[in-house]
Amino acid sequence: MAGQPDAQLYERLVDLLGAHDVHPDDRIDIQQALATATTWNDLPQPLRLRIEELERTLERQAWADPSDIPGND
């Protein structure tokens, strides 16, 4: 098991997962990769490409009201 991810990788992925509506499958893949990766270059190339695609294509979400969160009925 790897140590903690470096600050740059951590902040990038926190922003992606926290401010975007990432599909659960992608979220799981990213979180599992962090178990072994500590830097951007440690991530598998296909996952890096997927993360870049998600960053480019997903709109930022602002969940100001908890009742607006999908599935929070």
Protein backbone atom coordinates (compact mmCIF):
# COMPACT_ATOMS: atom_id res chain seq x y z
CA MET A 1 0.00 0.00 0.00
CA ALA A 2 1.29 3.45 -0.90
CA GLY A 3 1.59 6.41 1.41
CA GLN A 4 -0.51 9.53 1.24
CA PRO A 5 -0.92 11.10 -2.21
CA ASP A 6 1.07 14.27 -2.80
CA ALA A 7 -0.80 17.52 -2.22
CA GLN A 8 -1.23 18.32 -5.91
CA LEU A 9 -2.80 14.94 -6.73
CA TYR A 10 -4.95 15.03 -3.60
CA GLU A 11 -6.32 18.52 -4.32
CA ARG A 12 -6.98 17.68 -7.97
CA LEU A 13 -8.97 14.57 -7.13
CA VAL A 14 -10.80 16.17 -4.20
CA ASP A 15 -11.90 18.92 -6.58
CA LEU A 16 -13.01 16.40 -9.20
CA LEU A 17 -14.91 14.15 -6.82
CA GLY A 18 -16.26 16.91 -4.60
CA ALA A 19 -17.35 19.50 -7.13
CA HIS A 20 -18.59 17.32 -9.98
CA ASP A 21 -21.28 14.68 -10.34
CA VAL A 22 -18.87 11.82 -11.09
CA HIS A 23 -20.43 8.48 -12.03
CA PRO A 24 -20.10 5.97 -9.15
CA ASP A 25 -18.02 3.57 -11.28
CA ASP A 26 -15.50 6.31 -12.09
CA ARG A 27 -15.49 7.43 -8.46
CA ILE A 28 -14.68 3.88 -7.30
CA ASP A 29 -11.89 3.50 -9.88
CA ILE A 30 -10.30 6.77 -8.77
CA GLN A 31 -10.58 5.98 -5.07
CA GLN A 32 -9.15 2.47 -5.55
CA ALA A 33 -6.21 3.83 -7.56
CA LEU A 34 -5.33 6.12 -4.67
CA ALA A 35 -4.64 3.05 -2.56
CA THR A 36 -1.46 2.50 -4.59
CA ALA A 37 -0.67 5.87 -6.19
CA THR A 38 1.01 8.83 -4.55
CA THR A 39 1.61 11.00 -7.64
CA TRP A 40 -0.18 11.71 -10.92
CA ASN A 41 2.39 9.56 -12.77
CA ASP A 42 1.64 6.61 -10.49
CA LEU A 43 -1.94 6.44 -11.81
CA PRO A 44 -2.51 4.09 -14.76
CA GLN A 45 -2.54 5.92 -18.09
CA PRO A 46 -6.18 5.00 -18.92
CA LEU A 47 -7.31 6.40 -15.56
CA ARG A 48 -5.33 9.62 -16.07
CA LEU A 49 -7.02 10.05 -19.46
CA ARG A 50 -10.44 9.39 -17.91
CA ILE A 51 -9.81 11.92 -15.13
CA GLU A 52 -8.76 14.54 -17.69
CA GLU A 53 -11.91 13.80 -19.71
CA LEU A 54 -14.12 14.16 -16.63
CA GLU A 55 -12.45 17.44 -15.69
CA ARG A 56 -13.07 18.77 -19.21
CA THR A 57 -16.64 17.58 -19.67
CA LEU A 58 -18.40 17.65 -16.31
CA GLU A 59 -20.01 20.84 -15.09
CA ARG A 60 -19.19 22.00 -11.58
CA GLN A 61 -21.99 21.32 -9.11
CA ALA A 62 -22.99 23.49 -6.20
CA TRP A 63 -24.98 21.48 -3.70
CA ALA A 64 -26.00 24.43 -1.54
CA ASP A 65 -29.25 22.81 -0.41
CA PRO A 66 -28.99 19.18 0.76
CA SER A 67 -32.41 18.47 -0.73
CA ASP A 68 -30.91 19.23 -4.18
CA ILE A 69 -28.46 16.35 -3.98
CA PRO A 70 -29.57 13.52 -6.29
CA GLY A 71 -30.96 10.59 -4.35
CA ASN A 72 -31.43 12.63 -1.19
CA ASP A 73 -35.20 12.29 -0.97
